[in-house]
Amino acid sequence: MLIYDVFGRHIGVKRQGGRWLVFHADLTERKFSRLYDIAIPDDMTEDEILGWLGDILHEAATERHPDVKRIE
């Protein structure tokens, strides 16, 4: 599972069966809940995901959380 800090929100991304699946990531308890409102194109490479998340969720950026970073 790839874990990203997306403007202060932890998002997990996992490749399964040729598709990208997106999860809310609770890193304290290591629990993951599937998110259906965020889609990543299946042909996107792992290297492109960080930029994609930043592009589609940019409205969530704040002064305190201005970036998208891979954390795991």
PDB file of N, CA and C in Angstrom:
ATOM      1  N   MET A   1       0.862  -1.178   0.000  1.00  0.00           N
ATOM      2  CA  MET A   1       0.000   0.000   0.000  1.00  0.00           C
ATOM      3  C   MET A   1       0.906   1.239   0.000  1.00  0.00           C
ATOM      4  N   LEU A   2       0.634   2.147  -0.898  1.00  0.00           N
ATOM      5  CA  LEU A   2       1.319   3.438  -0.939  1.00  0.00           C
ATOM      6  C   LEU A   2       0.524   4.386  -0.052  1.00  0.00           C
ATOM      7  N   ILE A   3       1.195   5.136   0.802  1.00  0.00           N
ATOM      8  CA  ILE A   3       0.506   6.064   1.694  1.00  0.00           C
ATOM      9  C   ILE A   3       0.964   7.484   1.370  1.00  0.00           C
ATOM     10  N   TYR A   4      -0.005   8.379   1.231  1.00  0.00           N
ATOM     11  CA  TYR A   4       0.263   9.783   0.924  1.00  0.00           C
ATOM     12  C   TYR A   4      -0.368  10.678   1.975  1.00  0.00           C
ATOM     13  N   ASP A   5       0.313  11.771   2.272  1.00  0.00           N
ATOM     14  CA  ASP A   5      -0.275  12.866   3.050  1.00  0.00           C
ATOM     15  C   ASP A   5      -0.772  13.849   1.994  1.00  0.00           C
ATOM     16  N   VAL A   6      -2.071  13.924   1.860  1.00  0.00           N
ATOM     17  CA  VAL A   6      -2.698  14.771   0.835  1.00  0.00           C
ATOM     18  C   VAL A   6      -3.335  15.958   1.546  1.00  0.00           C
ATOM     19  N   PHE A   7      -2.578  17.038   1.648  1.00  0.00           N
ATOM     20  CA  PHE A   7      -3.042  18.253   2.308  1.00  0.00           C
ATOM     21  C   PHE A   7      -3.558  17.959   3.715  1.00  0.00           C
ATOM     22  N   GLY A   8      -2.809  17.109   4.445  1.00  0.00           N
ATOM     23  CA  GLY A   8      -3.148  16.794   5.828  1.00  0.00           C
ATOM     24  C   GLY A   8      -4.040  15.580   6.003  1.00  0.00           C
ATOM     25  N   ARG A   9      -4.473  14.991   4.922  1.00  0.00           N
ATOM     26  CA  ARG A   9      -5.343  13.805   4.968  1.00  0.00           C
ATOM     27  C   ARG A   9      -4.538  12.603   4.487  1.00  0.00           C
ATOM     28  N   HIS A  10      -4.578  11.504   5.216  1.00  0.00           N
ATOM     29  CA  HIS A  10      -3.820  10.317   4.833  1.00  0.00           C
ATOM     30  C   HIS A  10      -4.648   9.443   3.892  1.00  0.00           C
ATOM     31  N   ILE A  11      -4.063   9.198   2.719  1.00  0.00           N
ATOM     32  CA  ILE A  11      -4.712   8.434   1.665  1.00  0.00           C
ATOM     33  C   ILE A  11      -3.816   7.247   1.316  1.00  0.00           C
ATOM     34  N   GLY A  12      -4.418   6.059   1.261  1.00  0.00           N
ATOM     35  CA  GLY A  12      -3.709   4.862   0.819  1.00  0.00           C
ATOM     36  C   GLY A  12      -4.119   4.518  -0.594  1.00  0.00           C
ATOM     37  N   VAL A  13      -3.167   4.042  -1.380  1.00  0.00           N
ATOM     38  CA  VAL A  13      -3.428   3.651  -2.762  1.00  0.00           C
ATOM     39  C   VAL A  13      -2.814   2.274  -2.977  1.00  0.00           C
ATOM     40  N   LYS A  14      -3.615   1.372  -3.552  1.00  0.00           N
ATOM     41  CA  LYS A  14      -3.164  -0.001  -3.742  1.00  0.00           C
ATOM     42  C   LYS A  14      -3.547  -0.472  -5.133  1.00  0.00           C
ATOM     43  N   ARG A  15      -2.622  -1.158  -5.784  1.00  0.00           N
ATOM     44  CA  ARG A  15      -2.877  -1.739  -7.107  1.00  0.00           C
ATOM     45  C   ARG A  15      -3.450  -3.141  -6.908  1.00  0.00           C
ATOM     46  N   GLN A  16      -4.604  -3.396  -7.488  1.00  0.00           N
ATOM     47  CA  GLN A  16      -5.223  -4.718  -7.360  1.00  0.00           C
ATOM     48  C   GLN A  16      -5.965  -5.053  -8.643  1.00  0.00           C
ATOM     49  N   GLY A  17      -5.609  -6.159  -9.248  1.00  0.00           N
ATOM     50  CA  GLY A  17      -6.291  -6.598 -10.460  1.00  0.00           C
ATOM     51  C   GLY A  17      -6.228  -5.600 -11.601  1.00  0.00           C
ATOM     52  N   GLY A  18      -5.119  -4.892 -11.729  1.00  0.00           N
ATOM     53  CA  GLY A  18      -4.977  -3.915 -12.806  1.00  0.00           C
ATOM     54  C   GLY A  18      -5.657  -2.579 -12.550  1.00  0.00           C
ATOM     55  N   ARG A  19      -6.176  -2.390 -11.332  1.00  0.00           N
ATOM     56  CA  ARG A  19      -6.865  -1.140 -10.984  1.00  0.00           C
ATOM     57  C   ARG A  19      -6.202  -0.518  -9.765  1.00  0.00           C
ATOM     58  N   TRP A  20      -6.318   0.800  -9.659  1.00  0.00           N
ATOM     59  CA  TRP A  20      -5.889   1.504  -8.460  1.00  0.00           C
ATOM     60  C   TRP A  20      -7.084   1.648  -7.525  1.00  0.00           C
ATOM     61  N   LEU A  21      -6.931   1.218  -6.291  1.00  0.00           N
ATOM     62  CA  LEU A  21      -7.957   1.374  -5.274  1.00  0.00           C
ATOM     63  C   LEU A  21      -7.479   2.423  -4.279  1.00  0.00           C
ATOM     64  N   VAL A  22      -8.393   3.240  -3.777  1.00  0.00           N
ATOM     65  CA  VAL A  22      -8.050   4.357  -2.890  1.00  0.00           C
ATOM     66  C   VAL A  22      -8.720   4.146  -1.537  1.00  0.00           C
ATOM     67  N   PHE A  23      -7.977   4.444  -0.464  1.00  0.00           N
ATOM     68  CA  PHE A  23      -8.441   4.208   0.895  1.00  0.00           C
ATOM     69  C   PHE A  23      -8.166   5.399   1.788  1.00  0.00           C
ATOM     70  N   HIS A  24      -9.011   5.613   2.792  1.00  0.00           N
ATOM     71  CA  HIS A  24      -8.684   6.503   3.910  1.00  0.00           C
ATOM     72  C   HIS A  24      -7.744   5.686   4.789  1.00  0.00           C
ATOM     73  N   ALA A  25      -6.630   6.259   5.199  1.00  0.00           N
ATOM     74  CA  ALA A  25      -5.632   5.539   5.991  1.00  0.00           C
ATOM     75  C   ALA A  25      -5.572   6.097   7.409  1.00  0.00           C
ATOM     76  N   ASP A  26      -5.930   5.269   8.378  1.00  0.00           N
ATOM     77  CA  ASP A  26      -5.754   5.600   9.795  1.00  0.00           C
ATOM     78  C   ASP A  26      -4.426   4.978  10.204  1.00  0.00           C
ATOM     79  N   LEU A  27      -3.383   5.790  10.231  1.00  0.00           N
ATOM     80  CA  LEU A  27      -2.046   5.271  10.468  1.00  0.00           C
ATOM     81  C   LEU A  27      -1.819   4.881  11.925  1.00  0.00           C
ATOM     82  N   THR A  28      -2.564   5.457  12.841  1.00  0.00           N
ATOM     83  CA  THR A  28      -2.425   5.104  14.250  1.00  0.00           C
ATOM     84  C   THR A  28      -2.845   3.661  14.488  1.00  0.00           C
ATOM     85  N   GLU A  29      -3.978   3.281  13.929  1.00  0.00           N
ATOM     86  CA  GLU A  29      -4.505   1.932  14.136  1.00  0.00           C
ATOM     87  C   GLU A  29      -4.243   1.005  12.947  1.00  0.00           C
ATOM     88  N   ARG A  30      -3.580   1.525  11.915  1.00  0.00           N
ATOM     89  CA  ARG A  30      -3.295   0.756  10.698  1.00  0.00           C
ATOM     90  C   ARG A  30      -4.580   0.170  10.094  1.00  0.00           C
ATOM     91  N   LYS A  31      -5.620   1.015  10.034  1.00  0.00           N
ATOM     92  CA  LYS A  31      -6.895   0.626   9.436  1.00  0.00           C
ATOM     93  C   LYS A  31      -7.098   1.420   8.156  1.00  0.00           C
ATOM     94  N   PHE A  32      -7.703   0.753   7.187  1.00  0.00           N
ATOM     95  CA  PHE A  32      -7.925   1.373   5.885  1.00  0.00           C
ATOM     96  C   PHE A  32      -9.380   1.172   5.476  1.00  0.00           C
ATOM     97  N   SER A  33     -10.032   2.254   5.066  1.00  0.00           N
ATOM     98  CA  SER A  33     -11.421   2.210   4.616  1.00  0.00           C
ATOM     99  C   SER A  33     -11.463   2.661   3.164  1.00  0.00           C
ATOM    100  N   ARG A  34     -12.123   1.906   2.324  1.00  0.00           N
ATOM    101  CA  ARG A  34     -12.174   2.196   0.894  1.00  0.00           C
ATOM    102  C   ARG A  34     -12.886   3.515   0.633  1.00  0.00           C
ATOM    103  N   LEU A  35     -12.298   4.328  -0.226  1.00  0.00           N
ATOM    104  CA  LEU A  35     -12.898   5.579  -0.694  1.00  0.00           C
ATOM    105  C   LEU A  35     -13.337   5.381  -2.138  1.00  0.00           C
ATOM    106  N   TYR A  36     -14.564   5.744  -2.420  1.00  0.00           N
ATOM    107  CA  TYR A  36     -15.094   5.584  -3.770  1.00  0.00           C
ATOM    108  C   TYR A  36     -15.214   6.921  -4.503  1.00  0.00           C
ATOM    109  N   ASP A  37     -15.000   8.030  -3.790  1.00  0.00           N
ATOM    110  CA  ASP A  37     -15.154   9.339  -4.417  1.00  0.00           C
ATOM    111  C   ASP A  37     -13.854   9.882  -5.010  1.00  0.00           C
ATOM    112  N   ILE A  38     -12.772   9.138  -4.882  1.00  0.00           N
ATOM    113  CA  ILE A  38     -11.499   9.519  -5.489  1.00  0.00           C
ATOM    114  C   ILE A  38     -11.105   8.403  -6.449  1.00  0.00           C
ATOM    115  N   ALA A  39     -10.945   8.737  -7.713  1.00  0.00           N
ATOM    116  CA  ALA A  39     -10.582   7.735  -8.724  1.00  0.00           C
ATOM    117  C   ALA A  39      -9.218   8.058  -9.315  1.00  0.00           C
ATOM    118  N   ILE A  40      -8.435   7.023  -9.498  1.00  0.00           N
ATOM    119  CA  ILE A  40      -7.136   7.147 -10.156  1.00  0.00           C
ATOM    120  C   ILE A  40      -7.216   6.316 -11.434  1.00  0.00           C
ATOM    121  N   PRO A  41      -6.906   6.915 -12.588  1.00  0.00           N
ATOM    122  CA  PRO A  41      -6.965   6.149 -13.839  1.00  0.00           C
ATOM    123  C   PRO A  41      -6.089   4.895 -13.769  1.00  0.00           C
ATOM    124  N   ASP A  42      -6.610   3.795 -14.263  1.00  0.00           N
ATOM    125  CA  ASP A  42      -5.917   2.517 -14.179  1.00  0.00           C
ATOM    126  C   ASP A  42      -4.594   2.487 -14.930  1.00  0.00           C
ATOM    127  N   ASP A  43      -4.450   3.324 -15.958  1.00  0.00           N
ATOM    128  CA  ASP A  43      -3.207   3.327 -16.740  1.00  0.00           C
ATOM    129  C   ASP A  43      -2.142   4.267 -16.152  1.00  0.00           C
ATOM    130  N   MET A  44      -2.441   4.894 -15.025  1.00  0.00           N
ATOM    131  CA  MET A  44      -1.492   5.814 -14.399  1.00  0.00           C
ATOM    132  C   MET A  44      -0.370   5.017 -13.718  1.00  0.00           C
ATOM    133  N   THR A  45       0.850   5.520 -13.817  1.00  0.00           N
ATOM    134  CA  THR A  45       1.973   4.859 -13.153  1.00  0.00           C
ATOM    135  C   THR A  45       2.062   5.311 -11.698  1.00  0.00           C
ATOM    136  N   GLU A  46       2.765   4.525 -10.911  1.00  0.00           N
ATOM    137  CA  GLU A  46       2.957   4.860  -9.501  1.00  0.00           C
ATOM    138  C   GLU A  46       3.595   6.244  -9.351  1.00  0.00           C
ATOM    139  N   ASP A  47       4.513   6.597 -10.225  1.00  0.00           N
ATOM    140  CA  ASP A  47       5.193   7.894 -10.157  1.00  0.00           C
ATOM    141  C   ASP A  47       4.266   9.070 -10.442  1.00  0.00           C
ATOM    142  N   GLU A  48       3.165   8.833 -11.118  1.00  0.00           N
ATOM    143  CA  GLU A  48       2.227   9.901 -11.477  1.00  0.00           C
ATOM    144  C   GLU A  48       1.155  10.158 -10.413  1.00  0.00           C
ATOM    145  N   ILE A  49       1.009   9.251  -9.475  1.00  0.00           N
ATOM    146  CA  ILE A  49      -0.091   9.345  -8.512  1.00  0.00           C
ATOM    147  C   ILE A  49       0.008  10.587  -7.636  1.00  0.00           C
ATOM    148  N   LEU A  50       1.172  10.909  -7.137  1.00  0.00           N
ATOM    149  CA  LEU A  50       1.342  12.076  -6.264  1.00  0.00           C
ATOM    150  C   LEU A  50       0.829  13.343  -6.951  1.00  0.00           C
ATOM    151  N   GLY A  51       1.233  13.570  -8.175  1.00  0.00           N
ATOM    152  CA  GLY A  51       0.773  14.745  -8.921  1.00  0.00           C
ATOM    153  C   GLY A  51      -0.723  14.713  -9.185  1.00  0.00           C
ATOM    154  N   TRP A  52      -1.255  13.534  -9.487  1.00  0.00           N
ATOM    155  CA  TRP A  52      -2.688  13.382  -9.741  1.00  0.00           C
ATOM    156  C   TRP A  52      -3.492  13.754  -8.498  1.00  0.00           C
ATOM    157  N   LEU A  53      -3.090  13.219  -7.334  1.00  0.00           N
ATOM    158  CA  LEU A  53      -3.802  13.537  -6.093  1.00  0.00           C
ATOM    159  C   LEU A  53      -3.760  15.040  -5.811  1.00  0.00           C
ATOM    160  N   GLY A  54      -2.608  15.659  -6.052  1.00  0.00           N
ATOM    161  CA  GLY A  54      -2.497  17.106  -5.873  1.00  0.00           C
ATOM    162  C   GLY A  54      -3.417  17.876  -6.802  1.00  0.00           C
ATOM    163  N   ASP A  55      -3.511  17.423  -8.048  1.00  0.00           N
ATOM    164  CA  ASP A  55      -4.366  18.104  -9.030  1.00  0.00           C
ATOM    165  C   ASP A  55      -5.855  17.989  -8.692  1.00  0.00           C
ATOM    166  N   ILE A  56      -6.301  16.783  -8.343  1.00  0.00           N
ATOM    167  CA  ILE A  56      -7.743  16.609  -8.153  1.00  0.00           C
ATOM    168  C   ILE A  56      -8.224  17.058  -6.770  1.00  0.00           C
ATOM    169  N   LEU A  57      -7.303  17.175  -5.808  1.00  0.00           N
ATOM    170  CA  LEU A  57      -7.708  17.550  -4.448  1.00  0.00           C
ATOM    171  C   LEU A  57      -7.121  18.889  -4.006  1.00  0.00           C
ATOM    172  N   HIS A  58      -6.636  19.699  -4.939  1.00  0.00           N
ATOM    173  CA  HIS A  58      -5.942  20.949  -4.612  1.00  0.00           C
ATOM    174  C   HIS A  58      -6.784  21.915  -3.772  1.00  0.00           C
ATOM    175  N   GLU A  59      -8.099  21.813  -3.852  1.00  0.00           N
ATOM    176  CA  GLU A  59      -8.952  22.728  -3.075  1.00  0.00           C
ATOM    177  C   GLU A  59      -8.841  22.490  -1.575  1.00  0.00           C
ATOM    178  N   ALA A  60      -8.297  21.338  -1.178  1.00  0.00           N
ATOM    179  CA  ALA A  60      -8.123  21.021   0.246  1.00  0.00           C
ATOM    180  C   ALA A  60      -6.833  21.605   0.821  1.00  0.00           C
ATOM    181  N   ALA A  61      -6.006  22.221  -0.018  1.00  0.00           N
ATOM    182  CA  ALA A  61      -4.740  22.800   0.451  1.00  0.00           C
ATOM    183  C   ALA A  61      -5.004  23.963   1.406  1.00  0.00           C
ATOM    184  N   THR A  62      -4.190  24.036   2.451  1.00  0.00           N
ATOM    185  CA  THR A  62      -4.252  25.127   3.417  1.00  0.00           C
ATOM    186  C   THR A  62      -2.838  25.613   3.689  1.00  0.00           C
ATOM    187  N   GLU A  63      -2.711  26.709   4.413  1.00  0.00           N
ATOM    188  CA  GLU A  63      -1.375  27.183   4.794  1.00  0.00           C
ATOM    189  C   GLU A  63      -0.650  26.143   5.624  1.00  0.00           C
ATOM    190  N   ARG A  64      -1.377  25.477   6.495  1.00  0.00           N
ATOM    191  CA  ARG A  64      -0.776  24.462   7.371  1.00  0.00           C
ATOM    192  C   ARG A  64      -0.420  23.182   6.602  1.00  0.00           C
ATOM    193  N   HIS A  65      -1.214  22.855   5.593  1.00  0.00           N
ATOM    194  CA  HIS A  65      -1.011  21.636   4.799  1.00  0.00           C
ATOM    195  C   HIS A  65      -1.032  21.990   3.308  1.00  0.00           C
ATOM    196  N   PRO A  66       0.083  22.565   2.798  1.00  0.00           N
ATOM    197  CA  PRO A  66       0.094  23.042   1.414  1.00  0.00           C
ATOM    198  C   PRO A  66       0.531  22.006   0.368  1.00  0.00           C
ATOM    199  N   ASP A  67       0.929  20.798   0.815  1.00  0.00           N
ATOM    200  CA  ASP A  67       1.572  19.857  -0.109  1.00  0.00           C
ATOM    201  C   ASP A  67       0.937  18.475  -0.088  1.00  0.00           C
ATOM    202  N   VAL A  68       1.317  17.701  -1.109  1.00  0.00           N
ATOM    203  CA  VAL A  68       1.042  16.270  -1.166  1.00  0.00           C
ATOM    204  C   VAL A  68       2.406  15.584  -1.106  1.00  0.00           C
ATOM    205  N   LYS A  69       2.550  14.611  -0.181  1.00  0.00           N
ATOM    206  CA  LYS A  69       3.816  13.912  -0.020  1.00  0.00           C
ATOM    207  C   LYS A  69       3.561  12.425   0.125  1.00  0.00           C
ATOM    208  N   ARG A  70       4.464  11.637  -0.383  1.00  0.00           N
ATOM    209  CA  ARG A  70       4.391  10.189  -0.115  1.00  0.00           C
ATOM    210  C   ARG A  70       5.077   9.954   1.229  1.00  0.00           C
ATOM    211  N   ILE A  71       4.398   9.240   2.123  1.00  0.00           N
ATOM    212  CA  ILE A  71       4.989   9.002   3.446  1.00  0.00           C
ATOM    213  C   ILE A  71       5.327   7.539   3.696  1.00  0.00           C
ATOM    214  N   GLU A  72       4.806   6.638   2.897  1.00  0.00           N
ATOM    215  CA  GLU A  72       5.184   5.215   3.005  1.00  0.00           C
ATOM    216  C   GLU A  72       5.143   4.588   1.646  1.00  0.00           C
TER     217      GLU A  72
END
